[in-house]
Amino acid sequence: MNFSDEKDYIMRIIKEMVRVLFSLMMGKTYQAVELPKENKYQVAGKSLEEYEKLVDQGRINEAENLLLENLDYTVKEEVLTVALFYQYVSEKEDAFLSLHDYSKEEALEGLKALAEGAGYGDIGEVFS
């Protein structure tokens, strides 16, 4: 497995973890096409789209910090917002992430910590 394959593998793991987490928390199958139509994915009054804009500006660590500082693990939509954030980050090119001091490995570790904090720690273990 070369370096590029490894990064793609991490992205696939993140996407699968998000799908499983979404299915467990919402009781239905994750459908990516539904998400843009729904406006309930937010943390601290900011929508997922606003956090994605920060990522696009290269402010990934800032966006992650804002999400995690304001996250209420008892609100499933907030937990899922953060999960979708990590999925979005994992889809970025490695060069972009590296330029902004972030990596797909960090996104995977963040997602595992999120799952654990939400009471779904076994998900991270399954995908390790």
Protein backbone atom coordinates (compact mmCIF):
# COMPACT_ATOMS: atom_id res chain seq x y z
CA MET A 1 0.00 0.00 0.00
CA ASN A 2 1.49 3.34 -0.98
CA PHE A 3 1.07 6.67 0.81
CA SER A 4 -1.82 7.81 -1.41
CA ASP A 5 -3.71 4.56 -0.91
CA GLU A 6 -3.28 4.90 2.85
CA LYS A 7 -4.85 8.39 2.80
CA ASP A 8 -7.77 7.15 0.69
CA TYR A 9 -8.20 4.27 3.11
CA ILE A 10 -8.41 6.70 6.04
CA MET A 11 -11.01 8.75 4.17
CA ARG A 12 -13.08 5.59 3.53
CA ILE A 13 -12.86 4.63 7.22
CA ILE A 14 -14.06 8.09 8.24
CA LYS A 15 -16.98 7.95 5.80
CA GLU A 16 -17.99 4.51 7.05
CA MET A 17 -17.72 5.58 10.71
CA VAL A 18 -19.93 8.60 10.00
CA ARG A 19 -22.46 6.35 8.25
CA VAL A 20 -22.55 3.93 11.19
CA LEU A 21 -22.71 6.71 13.80
CA PHE A 22 -25.51 8.43 11.90
CA SER A 23 -27.46 5.17 11.59
CA LEU A 24 -27.10 4.38 15.31
CA MET A 25 -27.97 7.86 16.53
CA MET A 26 -30.80 8.64 14.13
CA GLY A 27 -32.20 5.15 13.71
CA LYS A 28 -32.08 5.36 9.94
CA THR A 29 -29.62 4.85 7.14
CA TYR A 30 -27.29 7.73 6.39
CA GLN A 31 -28.20 9.37 3.09
CA ALA A 32 -25.66 12.02 2.09
CA VAL A 33 -28.09 13.51 -0.43
CA GLU A 34 -30.53 14.38 2.39
CA LEU A 35 -28.08 16.47 4.37
CA PRO A 36 -27.93 19.69 2.35
CA LYS A 37 -31.73 19.88 2.44
CA GLU A 38 -31.79 19.71 6.21
CA ASN A 39 -30.78 22.73 8.23
CA LYS A 40 -30.56 21.10 11.65
CA TYR A 41 -26.84 20.37 11.60
CA GLN A 42 -25.27 23.08 13.72
CA VAL A 43 -23.27 23.71 16.87
CA ALA A 44 -23.38 26.92 18.91
CA GLY A 45 -25.78 28.53 16.45
CA LYS A 46 -23.42 28.04 13.49
CA SER A 47 -24.40 25.74 10.68
CA LEU A 48 -22.23 22.95 9.34
CA GLU A 49 -21.83 25.06 6.21
CA GLU A 50 -20.23 27.87 8.25
CA TYR A 51 -17.68 25.44 9.72
CA GLU A 52 -17.01 24.07 6.23
CA LYS A 53 -16.29 27.62 5.03
CA LEU A 54 -13.67 27.96 7.77
CA VAL A 55 -12.11 24.73 6.53
CA ASP A 56 -12.11 26.03 2.96
CA GLN A 57 -10.29 29.14 4.21
CA GLY A 58 -7.63 26.92 5.77
CA ARG A 59 -8.84 27.58 9.30
CA ILE A 60 -9.35 23.90 10.06
CA ASN A 61 -7.94 23.87 13.59
CA GLU A 62 -9.96 26.96 14.48
CA ALA A 63 -13.16 25.37 13.19
CA GLU A 64 -12.45 22.13 15.05
CA ASN A 65 -11.74 24.00 18.28
CA LEU A 66 -14.97 26.00 17.99
CA LEU A 67 -16.96 22.84 17.38
CA LEU A 68 -15.46 20.90 20.26
CA GLU A 69 -15.60 23.80 22.74
CA ASN A 70 -19.31 24.27 22.14
CA LEU A 71 -20.38 20.66 21.55
CA ASP A 72 -23.17 19.24 23.70
CA TYR A 73 -22.82 15.46 23.50
CA THR A 74 -26.44 15.03 24.60
CA VAL A 75 -27.72 16.71 21.42
CA LYS A 76 -27.40 14.14 18.67
CA GLU A 77 -27.63 16.69 15.86
CA GLU A 78 -24.57 18.47 17.30
CA VAL A 79 -22.60 15.23 17.51
CA LEU A 80 -23.55 14.45 13.93
CA THR A 81 -22.54 17.96 12.86
CA VAL A 82 -19.05 17.32 14.17
CA ALA A 83 -18.97 13.89 12.52
CA LEU A 84 -19.92 15.46 9.19
CA PHE A 85 -17.25 18.11 9.77
CA TYR A 86 -14.60 15.39 10.06
CA GLN A 87 -15.93 13.73 6.94
CA TYR A 88 -15.72 17.02 5.06
CA VAL A 89 -12.14 17.57 6.23
CA SER A 90 -11.15 14.04 5.20
CA GLU A 91 -12.28 14.76 1.64
CA LYS A 92 -9.75 17.60 1.29
CA GLU A 93 -6.52 17.02 -0.63
CA ASP A 94 -3.51 16.02 1.45
CA ALA A 95 -1.52 19.03 0.22
CA PHE A 96 -4.27 21.39 1.41
CA LEU A 97 -4.45 19.73 4.81
CA SER A 98 -0.67 19.72 5.19
CA LEU A 99 -0.45 23.40 4.23
CA HIS A 100 -2.88 24.17 7.06
CA ASP A 101 -1.29 21.91 9.69
CA TYR A 102 -3.89 19.17 9.64
CA SER A 103 -4.10 15.58 8.42
CA LYS A 104 -6.61 12.87 7.67
CA GLU A 105 -5.17 10.93 10.61
CA GLU A 106 -6.13 13.83 12.90
CA ALA A 107 -9.65 13.79 11.47
CA LEU A 108 -9.89 10.05 12.12
CA GLU A 109 -8.63 10.45 15.70
CA GLY A 110 -11.07 13.31 16.25
CA LEU A 111 -13.94 11.21 14.95
CA LYS A 112 -12.97 8.31 17.22
CA ALA A 113 -12.86 10.67 20.23
CA LEU A 114 -16.24 12.09 19.20
CA ALA A 115 -17.79 8.63 19.01
CA GLU A 116 -16.38 7.77 22.42
CA GLY A 117 -17.63 11.02 23.95
CA ALA A 118 -21.08 10.33 22.54
CA GLY A 119 -21.14 6.85 24.08
CA TYR A 120 -20.31 4.96 20.90
CA GLY A 121 -16.66 4.21 21.60
CA ASP A 122 -16.98 0.71 20.20
CA ILE A 123 -17.32 2.20 16.72
CA GLY A 124 -13.77 3.52 16.85
CA GLU A 125 -12.49 0.17 18.03
CA VAL A 126 -14.23 -1.67 15.20
CA PHE A 127 -12.54 0.55 12.61
CA SER A 128 -9.07 0.42 14.23
